[in-house]
Amino acid sequence: MASKKKPIPDDMTIDQASDFWDNHSVADYPSHVIQLEYIPGGHTTFIAIENDLLFLLEKQAKEHGVSVEALVNSWIQERLTAL
């Protein structure tokens, strides 16, 4: 376990949360509740995004207080329903 208490990142993927908690003790964060969005049986597809676009997406996601994944999915859904 890590000896120094690091702040819990505001937005983590399941893999990032797993890595974080592999190296930190929940006993060090008694007042924090961690929420993970998990959809059993859901299907995920990874798509390559240029680094410049990813930077802009991360900035927009942070401004909206959501994950990059949630923002991109929302934008794609909006675009597809507008067709």
Protein backbone atom coordinates (compact mmCIF):
# COMPACT_ATOMS: atom_id res chain seq x y z
CA MET A 1 0.00 0.00 0.00
CA ALA A 2 1.11 3.53 -0.66
CA SER A 3 2.41 5.45 2.32
CA LYS A 4 1.22 8.89 1.16
CA LYS A 5 -2.44 9.71 0.70
CA LYS A 6 -3.00 10.96 -2.86
CA PRO A 7 -6.21 12.69 -3.88
CA ILE A 8 -8.76 10.42 -5.52
CA PRO A 9 -9.04 11.36 -9.22
CA ASP A 10 -12.43 12.88 -10.05
CA ASP A 11 -12.99 10.74 -13.11
CA MET A 12 -11.56 7.27 -13.61
CA THR A 13 -12.25 4.44 -15.98
CA ILE A 14 -12.77 1.02 -14.43
CA ASP A 15 -9.16 0.12 -15.28
CA GLN A 16 -7.84 3.34 -13.76
CA ALA A 17 -9.92 2.81 -10.62
CA SER A 18 -8.63 -0.74 -10.37
CA ASP A 19 -5.02 0.45 -10.65
CA PHE A 20 -5.63 3.25 -8.13
CA TRP A 21 -7.17 0.97 -5.51
CA ASP A 22 -4.51 -1.70 -6.08
CA ASN A 23 -2.05 0.86 -4.74
CA HIS A 24 -4.17 2.64 -2.11
CA SER A 25 -6.16 1.57 0.92
CA VAL A 26 -9.85 2.42 1.23
CA ALA A 27 -9.13 2.81 4.96
CA ASP A 28 -7.24 6.01 4.08
CA TYR A 29 -10.38 7.50 2.44
CA PRO A 30 -13.23 6.82 4.89
CA SER A 31 -15.38 9.76 3.84
CA HIS A 32 -15.27 9.12 0.09
CA VAL A 33 -17.85 7.19 -1.89
CA ILE A 34 -16.67 5.88 -5.22
CA GLN A 35 -19.20 5.37 -7.99
CA LEU A 36 -18.44 3.31 -11.03
CA GLU A 37 -20.72 2.98 -14.02
CA TYR A 38 -20.87 -0.65 -15.09
CA ILE A 39 -23.30 -2.10 -17.58
CA PRO A 40 -23.29 -5.91 -17.42
CA GLY A 41 -23.22 -7.42 -20.87
CA GLY A 42 -22.47 -4.07 -22.44
CA HIS A 43 -20.22 -3.96 -25.47
CA THR A 44 -17.37 -1.49 -25.81
CA THR A 45 -15.53 -0.64 -29.00
CA PHE A 46 -12.32 1.36 -29.02
CA ILE A 47 -11.76 3.96 -31.72
CA ALA A 48 -8.49 5.74 -32.45
CA ILE A 49 -8.60 9.51 -31.90
CA GLU A 50 -5.88 11.94 -32.89
CA ASN A 51 -3.95 13.34 -29.92
CA ASP A 52 -4.96 16.93 -30.68
CA LEU A 53 -8.64 15.95 -30.69
CA LEU A 54 -8.22 13.91 -27.51
CA PHE A 55 -6.74 16.93 -25.76
CA LEU A 56 -9.76 19.04 -26.76
CA LEU A 57 -12.15 16.26 -25.73
CA GLU A 58 -10.51 15.97 -22.32
CA LYS A 59 -10.78 19.73 -21.85
CA GLN A 60 -14.47 19.76 -22.82
CA ALA A 61 -15.23 16.73 -20.64
CA LYS A 62 -13.61 18.38 -17.64
CA GLU A 63 -15.60 21.58 -18.24
CA HIS A 64 -18.83 19.52 -18.38
CA GLY A 65 -17.84 17.41 -15.36
CA VAL A 66 -18.10 14.11 -17.23
CA SER A 67 -15.74 11.47 -18.55
CA VAL A 68 -14.40 11.68 -22.09
CA GLU A 69 -16.28 8.47 -22.85
CA ALA A 70 -19.60 9.90 -21.61
CA LEU A 71 -19.10 13.12 -23.57
CA VAL A 72 -18.22 11.36 -26.82
CA ASN A 73 -21.11 8.90 -26.47
CA SER A 74 -23.51 11.77 -25.76
CA TRP A 75 -22.32 13.74 -28.78
CA ILE A 76 -22.52 10.72 -31.07
CA GLN A 77 -26.02 9.90 -29.78
CA GLU A 78 -27.16 13.49 -30.38
CA ARG A 79 -25.75 13.46 -33.89
CA LEU A 80 -27.25 10.09 -34.82
CA THR A 81 -30.71 10.98 -33.52
CA ALA A 82 -30.63 14.23 -35.51
CA LEU A 83 -30.25 12.35 -38.81
